Amino acid sequence: MASDWFEIQTVIPAAPEDVYRAWLDGKEHGRMTGGPARGEPVVGAEHGAWDGYIRGRNLELEPGVRIVQSWRTTEFPEGAPDSRLEVLLRAAPAGTRLVLRHSEIPEGQGASYEEGWVEHYFEPMEKYFGKKAPAKKKAAPKKRKATASSRKAAARGGGRRKKASRPRRR
């Protein structure tokens, strides 16, 4: 039986360990994607998301590095085997480079799932982890100490002193 496959990637603003944990923890996975989910970080454990639309099992787990899962949706034809999902996590300057390899997808369904990963996972994950990142504050501009002459000038109503013009000699 012919099958579809694809590989896509993104950068998530979080550490690889945080992305790994959120992917495998049902409650956090649900908060991260916005859809109900179940799962736990144990090889052989079942996972599911989006009210039963997605389901499968954890096949291989390397904490903070790699997740391999069997994966299927309710749209798979009857009798079709599960597809294979591999998620690779690598530290990157802006967080985590997430590479998603999805293979053994029933023929003709790959393009739809590729779009779904971007829309229902990558985009929400970027927002979810972006909100969790501590906000960087801009440094306040440095204030100059007021000197005696600047205080006098300010009292006269001017910030900078102008040079007095000299009378012209004739």
N, C-alpha and C. Protein backbone atom coordinates (compact mmCIF):
# COMPACT_ATOMS: atom_id res chain seq x y z
N MET A 1 0.85 -1.18 0.00
CA MET A 1 0.00 0.00 0.00
C MET A 1 0.90 1.25 0.00
N ALA A 2 0.65 2.19 -0.92
CA ALA A 2 1.41 3.43 -1.00
C ALA A 2 1.05 4.34 0.18
N SER A 3 2.02 5.18 0.56
CA SER A 3 1.76 6.08 1.67
C SER A 3 2.42 7.44 1.43
N ASP A 4 1.96 8.44 2.15
CA ASP A 4 2.50 9.80 2.09
C ASP A 4 3.44 10.01 3.26
N TRP A 5 4.31 10.99 3.13
CA TRP A 5 5.19 11.39 4.23
C TRP A 5 5.63 12.83 3.99
N PHE A 6 6.08 13.48 5.05
CA PHE A 6 6.64 14.83 4.93
C PHE A 6 7.49 15.11 6.15
N GLU A 7 8.31 16.16 6.04
CA GLU A 7 9.11 16.66 7.16
C GLU A 7 8.94 18.17 7.18
N ILE A 8 8.60 18.71 8.34
CA ILE A 8 8.49 20.15 8.50
C ILE A 8 9.21 20.54 9.78
N GLN A 9 9.53 21.84 9.89
CA GLN A 9 10.23 22.27 11.10
C GLN A 9 9.87 23.71 11.44
N THR A 10 10.14 24.04 12.69
CA THR A 10 9.91 25.39 13.18
C THR A 10 10.85 25.62 14.36
N VAL A 11 10.87 26.84 14.85
CA VAL A 11 11.61 27.14 16.07
C VAL A 11 10.59 27.60 17.11
N ILE A 12 10.62 26.96 18.26
CA ILE A 12 9.71 27.26 19.37
C ILE A 12 10.49 28.01 20.44
N PRO A 13 9.96 29.12 20.96
CA PRO A 13 10.69 29.91 21.96
C PRO A 13 10.66 29.29 23.36
N ALA A 14 11.31 28.13 23.48
CA ALA A 14 11.38 27.41 24.76
C ALA A 14 12.54 26.43 24.70
N ALA A 15 12.94 25.94 25.86
CA ALA A 15 14.01 24.94 25.92
C ALA A 15 13.48 23.59 25.42
N PRO A 16 14.35 22.75 24.83
CA PRO A 16 13.91 21.43 24.35
C PRO A 16 13.19 20.61 25.42
N GLU A 17 13.67 20.67 26.65
CA GLU A 17 13.05 19.90 27.73
C GLU A 17 11.61 20.37 27.99
N ASP A 18 11.36 21.66 27.86
CA ASP A 18 10.00 22.19 28.08
C ASP A 18 9.06 21.76 26.96
N VAL A 19 9.54 21.78 25.72
CA VAL A 19 8.71 21.34 24.60
C VAL A 19 8.42 19.84 24.72
N TYR A 20 9.43 19.06 25.06
CA TYR A 20 9.28 17.61 25.25
C TYR A 20 8.21 17.32 26.31
N ARG A 21 8.34 17.97 27.44
CA ARG A 21 7.40 17.74 28.55
C ARG A 21 5.97 18.11 28.14
N ALA A 22 5.81 19.27 27.48
CA ALA A 22 4.48 19.72 27.10
C ALA A 22 3.85 18.79 26.05
N TRP A 23 4.67 18.26 25.15
CA TRP A 23 4.15 17.37 24.11
C TRP A 23 3.56 16.11 24.72
N LEU A 24 4.22 15.58 25.76
CA LEU A 24 3.83 14.29 26.32
C LEU A 24 2.87 14.35 27.50
N ASP A 25 2.73 15.48 28.15
CA ASP A 25 1.82 15.63 29.28
C ASP A 25 0.44 16.05 28.76
N GLY A 26 -0.56 15.23 29.00
CA GLY A 26 -1.89 15.50 28.46
C GLY A 26 -2.43 16.88 28.79
N LYS A 27 -2.35 17.27 30.05
CA LYS A 27 -2.90 18.58 30.44
C LYS A 27 -2.16 19.73 29.77
N GLU A 28 -0.83 19.67 29.81
CA GLU A 28 -0.07 20.77 29.20
C GLU A 28 -0.20 20.75 27.68
N HIS A 29 -0.27 19.57 27.09
CA HIS A 29 -0.47 19.45 25.64
C HIS A 29 -1.77 20.16 25.24
N GLY A 30 -2.81 19.96 26.03
CA GLY A 30 -4.09 20.61 25.77
C GLY A 30 -3.99 22.12 25.89
N ARG A 31 -3.30 22.61 26.91
CA ARG A 31 -3.13 24.07 27.06
C ARG A 31 -2.30 24.62 25.90
N MET A 32 -1.30 23.87 25.48
CA MET A 32 -0.39 24.30 24.42
C MET A 32 -1.10 24.40 23.07
N THR A 33 -1.99 23.45 22.77
CA THR A 33 -2.64 23.42 21.46
C THR A 33 -4.05 24.00 21.47
N GLY A 34 -4.65 24.09 22.65
CA GLY A 34 -6.02 24.60 22.71
C GLY A 34 -7.08 23.53 22.53
N GLY A 35 -6.66 22.27 22.42
CA GLY A 35 -7.62 21.17 22.27
C GLY A 35 -7.39 20.13 23.34
N PRO A 36 -8.45 19.47 23.81
CA PRO A 36 -8.29 18.45 24.85
C PRO A 36 -7.30 17.37 24.43
N ALA A 37 -6.50 16.90 25.39
CA ALA A 37 -5.48 15.88 25.09
C ALA A 37 -5.26 14.98 26.30
N ARG A 38 -4.68 13.83 26.03
CA ARG A 38 -4.27 12.93 27.11
C ARG A 38 -2.94 12.32 26.74
N GLY A 39 -2.15 12.01 27.72
CA GLY A 39 -0.86 11.39 27.46
C GLY A 39 0.03 11.45 28.68
N GLU A 40 1.10 10.68 28.63
CA GLU A 40 2.10 10.69 29.69
C GLU A 40 3.44 10.26 29.09
N PRO A 41 4.54 10.66 29.71
CA PRO A 41 5.86 10.39 29.14
C PRO A 41 6.40 9.00 29.45
N VAL A 42 5.68 7.98 28.97
CA VAL A 42 6.06 6.59 29.23
C VAL A 42 5.98 5.82 27.91
N VAL A 43 7.02 5.06 27.57
CA VAL A 43 6.98 4.23 26.37
C VAL A 43 5.82 3.24 26.52
N GLY A 44 5.02 3.12 25.48
CA GLY A 44 3.87 2.23 25.50
C GLY A 44 2.58 2.92 25.91
N ALA A 45 2.67 4.10 26.53
CA ALA A 45 1.46 4.81 26.97
C ALA A 45 0.69 5.32 25.76
N GLU A 46 -0.62 5.33 25.89
CA GLU A 46 -1.48 5.86 24.83
C GLU A 46 -1.51 7.37 24.91
N HIS A 47 -1.70 8.00 23.76
CA HIS A 47 -1.90 9.45 23.70
C HIS A 47 -3.11 9.72 22.82
N GLY A 48 -3.70 10.87 23.02
CA GLY A 48 -4.84 11.26 22.21
C GLY A 48 -5.03 12.76 22.28
N ALA A 49 -5.67 13.31 21.26
CA ALA A 49 -5.90 14.75 21.23
C ALA A 49 -7.15 15.07 20.41
N TRP A 50 -7.62 16.28 20.63
CA TRP A 50 -8.75 16.83 19.86
C TRP A 50 -9.98 15.92 19.94
N ASP A 51 -10.39 15.64 21.18
CA ASP A 51 -11.62 14.86 21.43
C ASP A 51 -11.64 13.51 20.72
N GLY A 52 -10.48 12.83 20.70
CA GLY A 52 -10.41 11.50 20.12
C GLY A 52 -10.11 11.48 18.63
N TYR A 53 -9.97 12.63 18.01
CA TYR A 53 -9.65 12.68 16.57
C TYR A 53 -8.28 12.06 16.30
N ILE A 54 -7.30 12.31 17.22
CA ILE A 54 -5.95 11.76 17.10
C ILE A 54 -5.74 10.76 18.23
N ARG A 55 -5.09 9.63 17.90
CA ARG A 55 -4.72 8.67 18.95
C ARG A 55 -3.51 7.87 18.51
N GLY A 56 -2.85 7.26 19.48
CA GLY A 56 -1.69 6.43 19.18
C GLY A 56 -0.98 6.03 20.46
N ARG A 57 0.28 5.61 20.31
CA ARG A 57 1.10 5.18 21.46
C ARG A 57 2.50 5.77 21.34
N ASN A 58 3.13 5.94 22.50
CA ASN A 58 4.54 6.34 22.53
C ASN A 58 5.38 5.11 22.23
N LEU A 59 6.23 5.20 21.20
CA LEU A 59 7.06 4.07 20.80
C LEU A 59 8.49 4.19 21.32
N GLU A 60 9.06 5.38 21.22
CA GLU A 60 10.43 5.62 21.70
C GLU A 60 10.48 7.03 22.29
N LEU A 61 11.17 7.17 23.41
CA LEU A 61 11.29 8.48 24.07
C LEU A 61 12.73 8.71 24.50
N GLU A 62 13.29 9.84 24.11
CA GLU A 62 14.59 10.29 24.58
C GLU A 62 14.35 11.68 25.18
N PRO A 63 14.28 11.79 26.50
CA PRO A 63 13.91 13.05 27.15
C PRO A 63 14.66 14.27 26.61
N GLY A 64 13.86 15.25 26.18
CA GLY A 64 14.40 16.51 25.69
C GLY A 64 15.01 16.43 24.30
N VAL A 65 14.97 15.25 23.66
CA VAL A 65 15.67 15.07 22.38
C VAL A 65 14.75 14.52 21.28
N ARG A 66 13.97 13.46 21.60
CA ARG A 66 13.27 12.74 20.54
C ARG A 66 12.01 12.06 21.08
N ILE A 67 10.95 12.14 20.28
CA ILE A 67 9.68 11.47 20.57
C ILE A 67 9.27 10.71 19.32
N VAL A 68 8.98 9.42 19.45
CA VAL A 68 8.47 8.64 18.33
C VAL A 68 7.13 8.05 18.79
N GLN A 69 6.10 8.29 17.98
CA GLN A 69 4.76 7.82 18.33
C GLN A 69 4.09 7.17 17.13
N SER A 70 3.22 6.21 17.43
CA SER A 70 2.29 5.77 16.40
C SER A 70 1.19 6.83 16.41
N TRP A 71 0.56 7.05 15.28
CA TRP A 71 -0.35 8.19 15.16
C TRP A 71 -1.40 7.88 14.10
N ARG A 72 -2.64 8.18 14.41
CA ARG A 72 -3.72 8.03 13.44
C ARG A 72 -4.85 8.97 13.79
N THR A 73 -5.69 9.23 12.82
CA THR A 73 -6.89 10.03 13.07
C THR A 73 -8.11 9.20 12.71
N THR A 74 -9.26 9.75 13.02
CA THR A 74 -10.51 9.08 12.66
C THR A 74 -10.73 9.08 11.15
N GLU A 75 -9.91 9.83 10.39
CA GLU A 75 -10.03 9.87 8.93
C GLU A 75 -9.23 8.78 8.22
N PHE A 76 -8.43 8.01 8.97
CA PHE A 76 -7.70 6.91 8.33
C PHE A 76 -8.72 5.89 7.83
N PRO A 77 -8.47 5.32 6.65
CA PRO A 77 -9.40 4.29 6.14
C PRO A 77 -9.43 3.09 7.09
N GLU A 78 -10.55 2.41 7.10
CA GLU A 78 -10.67 1.22 7.94
C GLU A 78 -9.60 0.21 7.54
N GLY A 79 -8.91 -0.33 8.53
CA GLY A 79 -7.87 -1.32 8.29
C GLY A 79 -6.50 -0.73 7.98
N ALA A 80 -6.41 0.59 7.83
CA ALA A 80 -5.10 1.21 7.55
C ALA A 80 -4.25 1.16 8.81
N PRO A 81 -2.95 0.86 8.66
CA PRO A 81 -2.08 0.85 9.84
C PRO A 81 -1.84 2.27 10.35
N ASP A 82 -1.37 2.36 11.59
CA ASP A 82 -1.01 3.66 12.15
C ASP A 82 0.14 4.26 11.36
N SER A 83 0.20 5.58 11.35
CA SER A 83 1.36 6.26 10.77
C SER A 83 2.42 6.39 11.85
N ARG A 84 3.58 6.90 11.45
CA ARG A 84 4.70 7.06 12.38
C ARG A 84 5.04 8.55 12.47
N LEU A 85 5.12 9.02 13.69
CA LEU A 85 5.46 10.42 13.95
C LEU A 85 6.77 10.47 14.73
N GLU A 86 7.73 11.24 14.23
CA GLU A 86 9.00 11.43 14.93
C GLU A 86 9.19 12.92 15.13
N VAL A 87 9.41 13.31 16.38
CA VAL A 87 9.64 14.70 16.74
C VAL A 87 11.05 14.82 17.29
N LEU A 88 11.87 15.63 16.61
CA LEU A 88 13.25 15.85 17.04
C LEU A 88 13.38 17.25 17.62
N LEU A 89 14.04 17.35 18.76
CA LEU A 89 14.19 18.62 19.46
C LEU A 89 15.67 18.94 19.61
N ARG A 90 16.07 20.12 19.15
CA ARG A 90 17.47 20.55 19.25
C ARG A 90 17.51 21.99 19.72
N ALA A 91 18.42 22.28 20.64
CA ALA A 91 18.57 23.65 21.12
C ALA A 91 18.96 24.55 19.94
N ALA A 92 18.38 25.73 19.89
CA ALA A 92 18.67 26.73 18.85
C ALA A 92 18.79 28.08 19.54
N PRO A 93 19.41 29.05 18.88
CA PRO A 93 19.58 30.36 19.52
C PRO A 93 18.27 30.98 20.02
N ALA A 94 17.18 30.76 19.30
CA ALA A 94 15.90 31.36 19.71
C ALA A 94 15.01 30.39 20.49
N GLY A 95 15.54 29.24 20.91
CA GLY A 95 14.75 28.28 21.67
C GLY A 95 15.03 26.86 21.26
N THR A 96 14.05 26.21 20.61
CA THR A 96 14.17 24.82 20.19
C THR A 96 13.81 24.68 18.72
N ARG A 97 14.70 24.06 17.96
CA ARG A 97 14.35 23.69 16.58
C ARG A 97 13.61 22.37 16.69
N LEU A 98 12.36 22.38 16.26
CA LEU A 98 11.51 21.19 16.28
C LEU A 98 11.38 20.70 14.84
N VAL A 99 11.84 19.48 14.59
CA VAL A 99 11.70 18.84 13.28
C VAL A 99 10.68 17.73 13.44
N LEU A 100 9.64 17.78 12.63
CA LEU A 100 8.56 16.80 12.70
C LEU A 100 8.59 15.97 11.41
N ARG A 101 8.78 14.68 11.56
CA ARG A 101 8.77 13.74 10.44
C ARG A 101 7.53 12.86 10.58
N HIS A 102 6.65 12.95 9.61
CA HIS A 102 5.41 12.17 9.66
C HIS A 102 5.40 11.26 8.44
N SER A 103 5.39 9.95 8.67
CA SER A 103 5.47 8.99 7.57
C SER A 103 4.39 7.92 7.71
N GLU A 104 4.28 7.10 6.64
CA GLU A 104 3.32 6.00 6.60
C GLU A 104 1.88 6.48 6.74
N ILE A 105 1.61 7.65 6.16
CA ILE A 105 0.28 8.25 6.17
C ILE A 105 -0.51 7.66 4.99
N PRO A 106 -1.79 7.35 5.18
CA PRO A 106 -2.57 6.85 4.04
C PRO A 106 -2.45 7.79 2.83
N GLU A 107 -2.24 7.20 1.68
CA GLU A 107 -2.04 7.96 0.45
C GLU A 107 -3.15 8.99 0.24
N GLY A 108 -2.70 10.22 -0.10
CA GLY A 108 -3.65 11.30 -0.37
C GLY A 108 -3.98 12.16 0.84
N GLN A 109 -3.55 11.75 2.03
CA GLN A 109 -3.88 12.52 3.24
C GLN A 109 -2.71 13.37 3.76
N GLY A 110 -1.52 13.19 3.23
CA GLY A 110 -0.34 13.86 3.76
C GLY A 110 -0.43 15.38 3.74
N ALA A 111 -0.86 15.96 2.64
CA ALA A 111 -0.91 17.43 2.53
C ALA A 111 -1.84 18.03 3.59
N SER A 112 -2.95 17.37 3.84
CA SER A 112 -3.90 17.86 4.84
C SER A 112 -3.29 17.84 6.24
N TYR A 113 -2.59 16.76 6.57
CA TYR A 113 -1.96 16.68 7.90
C TYR A 113 -0.80 17.66 8.03
N GLU A 114 -0.07 17.89 6.95
CA GLU A 114 1.03 18.86 7.00
C GLU A 114 0.49 20.24 7.35
N GLU A 115 -0.58 20.65 6.72
CA GLU A 115 -1.22 21.93 7.04
C GLU A 115 -1.72 21.94 8.48
N GLY A 116 -2.29 20.82 8.90
CA GLY A 116 -2.81 20.71 10.27
C GLY A 116 -1.73 20.86 11.32
N TRP A 117 -0.55 20.30 11.08
CA TRP A 117 0.54 20.44 12.05
C TRP A 117 0.92 21.90 12.23
N VAL A 118 0.98 22.63 11.13
CA VAL A 118 1.35 24.04 11.22
C VAL A 118 0.25 24.84 11.94
N GLU A 119 -0.98 24.67 11.50
CA GLU A 119 -2.09 25.46 12.03
C GLU A 119 -2.47 25.09 13.46
N HIS A 120 -2.51 23.80 13.78
CA HIS A 120 -3.01 23.35 15.07
C HIS A 120 -1.94 23.02 16.10
N TYR A 121 -0.67 23.01 15.67
CA TYR A 121 0.43 22.73 16.60
C TYR A 121 1.49 23.83 16.58
N PHE A 122 2.17 24.01 15.46
CA PHE A 122 3.29 24.95 15.44
C PHE A 122 2.86 26.37 15.84
N GLU A 123 1.82 26.89 15.22
CA GLU A 123 1.40 28.26 15.53
C GLU A 123 0.94 28.40 16.99
N PRO A 124 0.07 27.51 17.49
CA PRO A 124 -0.30 27.63 18.91
C PRO A 124 0.87 27.44 19.87
N MET A 125 1.82 26.55 19.52
CA MET A 125 2.98 26.33 20.39
C MET A 125 3.85 27.58 20.47
N GLU A 126 4.04 28.24 19.34
CA GLU A 126 4.83 29.48 19.33
C GLU A 126 4.18 30.53 20.23
N LYS A 127 2.87 30.63 20.17
CA LYS A 127 2.15 31.60 21.03
C LYS A 127 2.22 31.17 22.49
N TYR A 128 1.97 29.89 22.76
CA TYR A 128 1.95 29.37 24.13
C TYR A 128 3.30 29.60 24.82
N PHE A 129 4.37 29.18 24.17
CA PHE A 129 5.68 29.33 24.79
C PHE A 129 6.15 30.78 24.75
N GLY A 130 5.74 31.53 23.76
CA GLY A 130 6.09 32.95 23.70
C GLY A 130 5.52 33.72 24.87
N LYS A 131 4.31 33.35 25.31
CA LYS A 131 3.68 34.00 26.46
C LYS A 131 4.36 33.62 27.76
N LYS A 132 4.90 32.40 27.80
CA LYS A 132 5.54 31.92 29.02
C LYS A 132 6.93 32.51 29.21
N ALA A 133 7.54 32.95 28.10
CA ALA A 133 8.91 33.48 28.19
C ALA A 133 8.88 34.79 28.97
N PRO A 134 9.85 34.99 29.84
CA PRO A 134 9.87 36.24 30.59
C PRO A 134 10.05 37.41 29.63
N ALA A 135 9.27 38.44 29.87
CA ALA A 135 9.35 39.63 29.02
C ALA A 135 10.66 40.35 29.31
N LYS A 136 11.29 40.75 28.24
CA LYS A 136 12.53 41.51 28.39
C LYS A 136 12.16 42.97 28.52
N LYS A 137 12.63 43.57 29.60
CA LYS A 137 12.33 44.98 29.82
C LYS A 137 13.41 45.82 29.17
N LYS A 138 12.97 46.93 28.60
CA LYS A 138 13.94 47.86 28.04
C LYS A 138 14.57 48.61 29.21
N ALA A 139 15.83 48.86 29.09
CA ALA A 139 16.52 49.62 30.13
C ALA A 139 16.00 51.06 30.10
N ALA A 140 15.74 51.58 31.27
CA ALA A 140 15.29 52.97 31.37
C ALA A 140 16.42 53.88 30.94
N PRO A 141 16.08 54.98 30.26
CA PRO A 141 17.14 55.89 29.87
C PRO A 141 17.85 56.43 31.11
N LYS A 142 19.15 56.58 30.97
CA LYS A 142 19.93 57.08 32.10
C LYS A 142 19.64 58.56 32.28
N LYS A 143 19.43 58.92 33.52
CA LYS A 143 19.20 60.33 33.83
C LYS A 143 20.54 60.97 34.19
N ARG A 144 20.72 62.18 33.68
CA ARG A 144 21.94 62.90 34.03
C ARG A 144 21.72 63.62 35.33
N LYS A 145 22.76 63.67 36.11
CA LYS A 145 22.66 64.42 37.36
C LYS A 145 22.57 65.90 37.03
N ALA A 146 21.70 66.55 37.73
CA ALA A 146 21.57 67.99 37.52
C ALA A 146 22.77 68.70 38.15
N THR A 147 23.34 69.61 37.39
CA THR A 147 24.45 70.41 37.91
C THR A 147 23.90 71.75 38.35
N ALA A 148 24.71 72.48 39.09
CA ALA A 148 24.27 73.79 39.57
C ALA A 148 23.90 74.69 38.40
N SER A 149 24.70 74.69 37.32
CA SER A 149 24.40 75.57 36.19
C SER A 149 23.13 75.13 35.46
N SER A 150 22.88 73.80 35.37
CA SER A 150 21.67 73.36 34.68
C SER A 150 20.43 73.67 35.51
N ARG A 151 20.55 73.63 36.85
CA ARG A 151 19.41 73.99 37.71
C ARG A 151 19.11 75.46 37.57
N LYS A 152 20.16 76.31 37.50
CA LYS A 152 19.95 77.76 37.35
C LYS A 152 19.30 78.06 36.01
N ALA A 153 19.76 77.37 34.97
CA ALA A 153 19.20 77.60 33.64
C ALA A 153 17.74 77.19 33.60
N ALA A 154 17.43 76.07 34.23
CA ALA A 154 16.04 75.61 34.25
C ALA A 154 15.17 76.60 35.01
N ALA A 155 15.71 77.19 36.09
CA ALA A 155 14.95 78.17 36.87
C ALA A 155 14.68 79.42 36.05
N ARG A 156 15.61 79.77 35.14
CA ARG A 156 15.42 80.95 34.29
C ARG A 156 14.47 80.65 33.15
N GLY A 157 14.09 79.38 32.99
CA GLY A 157 13.15 79.05 31.94
C GLY A 157 13.80 78.52 30.67
N GLY A 158 15.04 78.23 30.73
CA GLY A 158 15.70 77.70 29.54
C GLY A 158 16.57 76.53 29.91
N GLY A 159 16.65 75.58 29.04
CA GLY A 159 17.49 74.43 29.31
C GLY A 159 18.94 74.72 29.00
N ARG A 160 19.21 75.27 27.82
CA ARG A 160 20.58 75.56 27.40
C ARG A 160 20.79 77.06 27.45
N ARG A 161 21.93 77.40 27.89
CA ARG A 161 22.26 78.82 27.92
C ARG A 161 22.68 79.28 26.53
N LYS A 162 22.18 80.42 26.17
CA LYS A 162 22.60 81.00 24.90
C LYS A 162 23.68 82.00 25.19
N LYS A 163 24.61 82.10 24.29
CA LYS A 163 25.66 83.11 24.46
C LYS A 163 25.05 84.47 24.21
N ALA A 164 25.41 85.36 25.05
CA ALA A 164 24.93 86.74 24.86
C ALA A 164 25.69 87.33 23.69
N SER A 165 24.96 88.05 22.88
CA SER A 165 25.67 88.66 21.74
C SER A 165 26.38 89.91 22.20
N ARG A 166 27.55 90.14 21.68
CA ARG A 166 28.32 91.33 22.02
C ARG A 166 27.87 92.49 21.15
N PRO A 167 27.92 93.65 21.70
CA PRO A 167 27.60 94.80 20.85
C PRO A 167 28.70 94.96 19.80
N ARG A 168 28.31 95.34 18.63
CA ARG A 168 29.27 95.52 17.54
C ARG A 168 30.05 96.80 17.73
N ARG A 169 31.30 96.77 17.40
CA ARG A 169 32.11 97.99 17.42
C ARG A 169 32.00 98.65 16.06
N ARG A 170 32.02 99.92 16.11
CA ARG A 170 31.97 100.62 14.83
C ARG A 170 33.25 101.24 14.53
